[in-house]
N, C-alpha and C. Protein backbone atom coordinates (compact mmCIF):
# COMPACT_ATOMS: atom_id res chain seq x y z
N MET A 1 -5.43 32.28 -1.56
CA MET A 1 -6.52 31.38 -1.23
C MET A 1 -5.98 30.06 -0.69
N GLU A 2 -4.90 29.58 -1.28
CA GLU A 2 -4.32 28.33 -0.82
C GLU A 2 -3.81 28.46 0.60
N ASN A 3 -3.24 29.60 0.96
CA ASN A 3 -2.73 29.81 2.30
C ASN A 3 -3.85 29.74 3.33
N VAL A 4 -5.02 30.29 2.99
CA VAL A 4 -6.16 30.25 3.89
C VAL A 4 -6.60 28.80 4.12
N ASP A 5 -6.65 28.03 3.04
CA ASP A 5 -7.04 26.62 3.16
C ASP A 5 -6.03 25.85 4.00
N GLU A 6 -4.76 26.12 3.81
CA GLU A 6 -3.72 25.44 4.59
C GLU A 6 -3.82 25.80 6.06
N ILE A 7 -4.08 27.07 6.36
CA ILE A 7 -4.23 27.51 7.75
C ILE A 7 -5.45 26.86 8.38
N ALA A 8 -6.54 26.77 7.63
CA ALA A 8 -7.75 26.14 8.14
C ALA A 8 -7.50 24.66 8.44
N LYS A 9 -6.78 24.01 7.57
CA LYS A 9 -6.45 22.59 7.80
C LYS A 9 -5.58 22.43 9.04
N GLU A 10 -4.59 23.31 9.20
CA GLU A 10 -3.72 23.26 10.37
C GLU A 10 -4.52 23.45 11.66
N ASN A 11 -5.45 24.44 11.64
CA ASN A 11 -6.27 24.70 12.82
C ASN A 11 -7.18 23.53 13.13
N SER A 12 -7.74 22.91 12.11
CA SER A 12 -8.64 21.78 12.36
C SER A 12 -7.86 20.60 12.90
N LYS A 13 -6.62 20.44 12.48
CA LYS A 13 -5.79 19.35 13.00
C LYS A 13 -5.44 19.57 14.45
N SER A 14 -5.21 20.82 14.85
CA SER A 14 -4.83 21.10 16.23
C SER A 14 -6.00 20.91 17.19
N ASN A 15 -7.22 20.91 16.69
CA ASN A 15 -8.39 20.71 17.53
C ASN A 15 -8.75 19.23 17.71
N VAL A 16 -7.96 18.34 17.15
CA VAL A 16 -8.22 16.91 17.26
C VAL A 16 -7.81 16.44 18.65
N THR A 17 -8.61 15.54 19.24
CA THR A 17 -8.29 15.04 20.57
C THR A 17 -7.09 14.11 20.50
N ASN A 18 -6.53 13.74 21.65
CA ASN A 18 -5.37 12.86 21.72
C ASN A 18 -5.65 11.52 21.07
N ASN A 19 -6.82 10.94 21.32
CA ASN A 19 -7.15 9.64 20.74
C ASN A 19 -7.18 9.72 19.22
N ASP A 20 -7.74 10.79 18.68
CA ASP A 20 -7.78 10.97 17.24
C ASP A 20 -6.38 11.15 16.68
N THR A 21 -5.53 11.88 17.40
CA THR A 21 -4.15 12.08 16.96
C THR A 21 -3.43 10.76 16.87
N ASP A 22 -3.64 9.87 17.87
CA ASP A 22 -3.01 8.56 17.85
C ASP A 22 -3.44 7.77 16.62
N VAL A 23 -4.71 7.83 16.30
CA VAL A 23 -5.23 7.11 15.14
C VAL A 23 -4.61 7.67 13.87
N ILE A 24 -4.54 9.00 13.77
CA ILE A 24 -3.96 9.62 12.59
C ILE A 24 -2.50 9.23 12.46
N GLN A 25 -1.77 9.25 13.56
CA GLN A 25 -0.37 8.87 13.51
C GLN A 25 -0.21 7.41 13.12
N GLU A 26 -1.07 6.52 13.64
CA GLU A 26 -0.99 5.11 13.30
C GLU A 26 -1.27 4.89 11.83
N GLU A 27 -2.22 5.64 11.27
CA GLU A 27 -2.54 5.49 9.86
C GLU A 27 -1.40 5.95 8.98
N ASN A 28 -0.62 6.92 9.45
CA ASN A 28 0.47 7.45 8.65
C ASN A 28 1.77 6.67 8.81
N GLU A 29 1.81 5.75 9.77
CA GLU A 29 3.03 4.98 10.00
C GLU A 29 3.27 4.02 8.85
N PRO A 30 4.54 3.85 8.47
CA PRO A 30 4.84 2.85 7.46
C PRO A 30 4.48 1.45 7.96
N GLU A 31 4.18 0.56 7.05
CA GLU A 31 3.76 -0.81 7.42
C GLU A 31 4.84 -1.51 8.23
N GLU A 32 6.12 -1.21 7.95
CA GLU A 32 7.22 -1.84 8.66
C GLU A 32 7.18 -1.49 10.14
N GLU A 33 6.89 -0.24 10.48
CA GLU A 33 6.83 0.18 11.87
C GLU A 33 5.66 -0.46 12.59
N LYS A 34 4.52 -0.64 11.91
CA LYS A 34 3.37 -1.28 12.52
C LYS A 34 3.69 -2.72 12.87
N SER A 35 4.33 -3.44 11.94
CA SER A 35 4.65 -4.84 12.19
C SER A 35 5.71 -4.95 13.27
N GLU A 36 6.58 -3.97 13.36
CA GLU A 36 7.62 -3.98 14.37
C GLU A 36 7.01 -3.95 15.77
N LYS A 37 5.93 -3.21 15.95
CA LYS A 37 5.28 -3.11 17.25
C LYS A 37 4.68 -4.44 17.69
N MET A 38 4.28 -5.26 16.73
CA MET A 38 3.64 -6.52 17.07
C MET A 38 4.65 -7.59 17.47
N LEU A 39 5.92 -7.34 17.28
CA LEU A 39 6.93 -8.36 17.52
C LEU A 39 7.57 -8.29 18.89
N HIS A 40 7.06 -7.50 19.78
CA HIS A 40 7.67 -7.37 21.09
C HIS A 40 7.04 -8.36 22.07
N LEU A 41 7.90 -9.14 22.70
CA LEU A 41 7.45 -10.07 23.73
C LEU A 41 7.59 -9.40 25.09
N PRO A 42 6.70 -9.71 26.02
CA PRO A 42 6.82 -9.11 27.36
C PRO A 42 8.02 -9.70 28.12
N ILE A 43 8.91 -8.83 28.53
CA ILE A 43 10.14 -9.26 29.20
C ILE A 43 9.82 -10.01 30.49
N SER A 44 8.80 -9.57 31.22
CA SER A 44 8.46 -10.24 32.48
C SER A 44 8.01 -11.68 32.24
N ARG A 45 7.31 -11.91 31.14
CA ARG A 45 6.87 -13.27 30.81
C ARG A 45 8.06 -14.15 30.44
N VAL A 46 9.01 -13.58 29.70
CA VAL A 46 10.21 -14.34 29.34
C VAL A 46 11.00 -14.69 30.59
N ARG A 47 11.09 -13.75 31.52
CA ARG A 47 11.80 -14.02 32.79
C ARG A 47 11.11 -15.17 33.53
N THR A 48 9.78 -15.16 33.56
CA THR A 48 9.02 -16.22 34.23
C THR A 48 9.29 -17.57 33.58
N ILE A 49 9.31 -17.60 32.26
CA ILE A 49 9.58 -18.85 31.54
C ILE A 49 11.01 -19.31 31.82
N MET A 50 11.95 -18.39 31.86
CA MET A 50 13.34 -18.76 32.15
C MET A 50 13.47 -19.36 33.54
N LYS A 51 12.73 -18.87 34.50
CA LYS A 51 12.82 -19.36 35.89
C LYS A 51 12.23 -20.75 36.05
N VAL A 52 11.44 -21.20 35.05
CA VAL A 52 10.90 -22.56 35.10
C VAL A 52 12.02 -23.59 34.99
N ASP A 53 13.10 -23.23 34.29
CA ASP A 53 14.25 -24.12 34.14
C ASP A 53 14.96 -24.25 35.49
N PRO A 54 15.11 -25.48 36.01
CA PRO A 54 15.74 -25.65 37.32
C PRO A 54 17.21 -25.24 37.34
N GLU A 55 17.85 -25.15 36.19
CA GLU A 55 19.25 -24.75 36.14
C GLU A 55 19.44 -23.24 36.19
N VAL A 56 18.37 -22.50 36.01
CA VAL A 56 18.45 -21.03 36.04
C VAL A 56 18.06 -20.57 37.44
N HIS A 57 19.05 -20.03 38.15
CA HIS A 57 18.78 -19.55 39.50
C HIS A 57 18.54 -18.04 39.51
N ILE A 58 19.41 -17.33 38.81
CA ILE A 58 19.29 -15.88 38.73
C ILE A 58 19.48 -15.47 37.27
N ALA A 59 18.63 -14.59 36.78
CA ALA A 59 18.75 -14.08 35.43
C ALA A 59 18.84 -12.56 35.49
N SER A 60 19.95 -12.02 35.03
CA SER A 60 20.12 -10.56 35.03
C SER A 60 19.17 -9.93 34.02
N GLN A 61 18.92 -8.66 34.19
CA GLN A 61 18.03 -7.93 33.28
C GLN A 61 18.59 -7.96 31.86
N GLU A 62 19.93 -7.88 31.74
CA GLU A 62 20.56 -7.91 30.42
C GLU A 62 20.36 -9.27 29.76
N ALA A 63 20.49 -10.35 30.52
CA ALA A 63 20.32 -11.69 29.97
C ALA A 63 18.88 -11.90 29.51
N VAL A 64 17.93 -11.46 30.31
CA VAL A 64 16.53 -11.59 29.95
C VAL A 64 16.23 -10.78 28.69
N PHE A 65 16.79 -9.58 28.60
CA PHE A 65 16.60 -8.75 27.42
C PHE A 65 17.16 -9.44 26.17
N LEU A 66 18.36 -10.01 26.29
CA LEU A 66 18.97 -10.67 25.14
C LEU A 66 18.18 -11.90 24.70
N ILE A 67 17.70 -12.68 25.65
CA ILE A 67 16.88 -13.85 25.31
C ILE A 67 15.59 -13.39 24.64
N THR A 68 14.99 -12.34 25.16
CA THR A 68 13.75 -11.82 24.59
C THR A 68 13.97 -11.33 23.16
N LYS A 69 15.00 -10.55 22.95
CA LYS A 69 15.29 -10.00 21.62
C LYS A 69 15.64 -11.13 20.65
N SER A 70 16.42 -12.10 21.09
CA SER A 70 16.77 -13.25 20.24
C SER A 70 15.53 -14.02 19.84
N THR A 71 14.63 -14.21 20.77
CA THR A 71 13.39 -14.93 20.49
C THR A 71 12.53 -14.16 19.49
N GLU A 72 12.44 -12.86 19.67
CA GLU A 72 11.68 -12.03 18.72
C GLU A 72 12.24 -12.14 17.31
N LEU A 73 13.56 -12.06 17.20
CA LEU A 73 14.20 -12.14 15.88
C LEU A 73 14.03 -13.53 15.26
N PHE A 74 14.12 -14.56 16.09
CA PHE A 74 13.92 -15.93 15.61
C PHE A 74 12.50 -16.11 15.10
N LEU A 75 11.52 -15.67 15.87
CA LEU A 75 10.12 -15.81 15.46
C LEU A 75 9.82 -15.00 14.20
N GLU A 76 10.42 -13.83 14.09
CA GLU A 76 10.24 -13.01 12.90
C GLU A 76 10.79 -13.74 11.67
N SER A 77 11.97 -14.31 11.81
CA SER A 77 12.59 -15.03 10.71
C SER A 77 11.76 -16.25 10.30
N LEU A 78 11.31 -17.01 11.28
CA LEU A 78 10.49 -18.20 11.01
C LEU A 78 9.17 -17.80 10.34
N ALA A 79 8.56 -16.75 10.81
CA ALA A 79 7.29 -16.29 10.24
C ALA A 79 7.46 -15.82 8.80
N LYS A 80 8.53 -15.09 8.53
CA LYS A 80 8.78 -14.64 7.16
C LYS A 80 9.02 -15.81 6.23
N GLU A 81 9.80 -16.78 6.70
CA GLU A 81 10.07 -17.96 5.88
C GLU A 81 8.79 -18.75 5.63
N ALA A 82 7.96 -18.90 6.65
CA ALA A 82 6.70 -19.64 6.50
C ALA A 82 5.74 -18.86 5.60
N TYR A 83 5.74 -17.56 5.71
CA TYR A 83 4.84 -16.76 4.88
C TYR A 83 5.19 -16.87 3.40
N ARG A 84 6.45 -17.09 3.13
CA ARG A 84 6.88 -17.26 1.74
C ARG A 84 6.11 -18.43 1.10
N PHE A 85 5.92 -19.51 1.86
CA PHE A 85 5.17 -20.66 1.36
C PHE A 85 3.67 -20.35 1.29
N THR A 86 3.19 -19.53 2.19
CA THR A 86 1.79 -19.11 2.14
C THR A 86 1.53 -18.32 0.86
N ALA A 87 2.43 -17.39 0.56
CA ALA A 87 2.29 -16.57 -0.65
C ALA A 87 2.41 -17.42 -1.91
N GLN A 88 3.30 -18.40 -1.88
CA GLN A 88 3.43 -19.28 -3.05
C GLN A 88 2.15 -20.05 -3.30
N GLY A 89 1.44 -20.41 -2.24
CA GLY A 89 0.17 -21.10 -2.36
C GLY A 89 -0.99 -20.17 -2.63
N LYS A 90 -0.68 -18.89 -2.81
CA LYS A 90 -1.69 -17.86 -3.09
C LYS A 90 -2.78 -17.83 -2.02
N ARG A 91 -2.34 -17.96 -0.78
CA ARG A 91 -3.26 -17.90 0.36
C ARG A 91 -2.88 -16.71 1.22
N LYS A 92 -3.81 -16.29 2.06
CA LYS A 92 -3.56 -15.18 2.98
C LYS A 92 -3.36 -15.65 4.41
N THR A 93 -3.72 -16.90 4.68
CA THR A 93 -3.64 -17.42 6.05
C THR A 93 -2.48 -18.39 6.17
N LEU A 94 -1.62 -18.13 7.13
CA LEU A 94 -0.50 -19.01 7.42
C LEU A 94 -1.02 -20.30 8.03
N GLN A 95 -0.55 -21.44 7.54
CA GLN A 95 -1.00 -22.73 8.04
C GLN A 95 0.19 -23.52 8.57
N LYS A 96 -0.12 -24.57 9.32
CA LYS A 96 0.91 -25.42 9.91
C LYS A 96 1.82 -25.99 8.82
N LYS A 97 1.25 -26.34 7.69
CA LYS A 97 2.06 -26.91 6.60
C LYS A 97 3.08 -25.90 6.07
N ASP A 98 2.78 -24.60 6.17
CA ASP A 98 3.73 -23.58 5.74
C ASP A 98 4.93 -23.53 6.69
N ILE A 99 4.65 -23.67 7.97
CA ILE A 99 5.73 -23.70 8.95
C ILE A 99 6.57 -24.97 8.75
N ASP A 100 5.92 -26.10 8.53
CA ASP A 100 6.64 -27.34 8.25
C ASP A 100 7.52 -27.20 7.01
N ASN A 101 6.99 -26.60 5.96
CA ASN A 101 7.77 -26.39 4.73
C ASN A 101 8.96 -25.47 4.98
N ALA A 102 8.76 -24.45 5.79
CA ALA A 102 9.84 -23.52 6.12
C ALA A 102 10.94 -24.24 6.89
N ILE A 103 10.55 -25.09 7.83
CA ILE A 103 11.52 -25.84 8.63
C ILE A 103 12.31 -26.80 7.73
N GLU A 104 11.62 -27.45 6.81
CA GLU A 104 12.28 -28.39 5.91
C GLU A 104 13.20 -27.70 4.92
N SER A 105 12.86 -26.50 4.49
CA SER A 105 13.63 -25.83 3.45
C SER A 105 14.87 -25.11 3.99
N ALA A 106 14.86 -24.69 5.22
CA ALA A 106 15.98 -23.92 5.77
C ALA A 106 16.84 -24.83 6.65
N ASP A 107 18.10 -24.96 6.28
CA ASP A 107 19.02 -25.81 7.06
C ASP A 107 19.16 -25.33 8.50
N CYS A 108 19.14 -24.02 8.69
CA CYS A 108 19.30 -23.48 10.04
C CYS A 108 18.12 -23.81 10.95
N LEU A 109 17.02 -24.26 10.38
CA LEU A 109 15.84 -24.61 11.18
C LEU A 109 15.68 -26.13 11.35
N SER A 110 16.68 -26.88 10.91
CA SER A 110 16.56 -28.34 10.95
C SER A 110 16.38 -28.88 12.37
N PHE A 111 16.83 -28.15 13.37
CA PHE A 111 16.66 -28.61 14.75
C PHE A 111 15.18 -28.64 15.17
N LEU A 112 14.32 -28.01 14.39
CA LEU A 112 12.88 -28.00 14.70
C LEU A 112 12.10 -29.12 14.02
N GLU A 113 12.77 -29.91 13.18
CA GLU A 113 12.07 -30.96 12.45
C GLU A 113 11.40 -31.93 13.43
N GLY A 114 10.13 -32.17 13.20
CA GLY A 114 9.36 -33.09 14.03
C GLY A 114 8.78 -32.49 15.29
N VAL A 115 9.15 -31.26 15.61
CA VAL A 115 8.67 -30.62 16.83
C VAL A 115 7.16 -30.41 16.79
N LEU A 116 6.64 -30.01 15.64
CA LEU A 116 5.22 -29.74 15.52
C LEU A 116 4.40 -31.03 15.51
N ASP A 117 5.05 -32.15 15.24
CA ASP A 117 4.34 -33.43 15.20
C ASP A 117 4.26 -34.09 16.57
N ALA A 118 5.05 -33.63 17.52
CA ALA A 118 5.11 -34.26 18.85
C ALA A 118 3.78 -34.06 19.58
N PRO A 119 3.34 -35.10 20.33
CA PRO A 119 2.11 -34.94 21.11
C PRO A 119 2.33 -33.95 22.24
N HIS A 120 1.29 -33.26 22.59
CA HIS A 120 1.40 -32.22 23.64
C HIS A 120 1.17 -32.82 24.98
């Protein structure tokens, strides 16, 4: 009887459309993989930002990739550090003061001190 139920489940899964399969796969993904997808910056946008600098004349694909990946890792690190202060405050929403606290607490982020206070 169990084999019949398993076969029926398999058949019903194979009749799912592509969109439904994507949803099922997304639901089964570990939380780490979901967050990983959100951390990708568009390489073309990074290249455009790099070209704004008058000292950058040509940027190879490898250089743009490395700058993009470095930026993603930096932002991930800053966000995790800031979230630590959010969790300590028993809040779910990251606030500017959490980022300020993260910058003040981590020596490696000291170069960012006062950046958020500067007028735009």
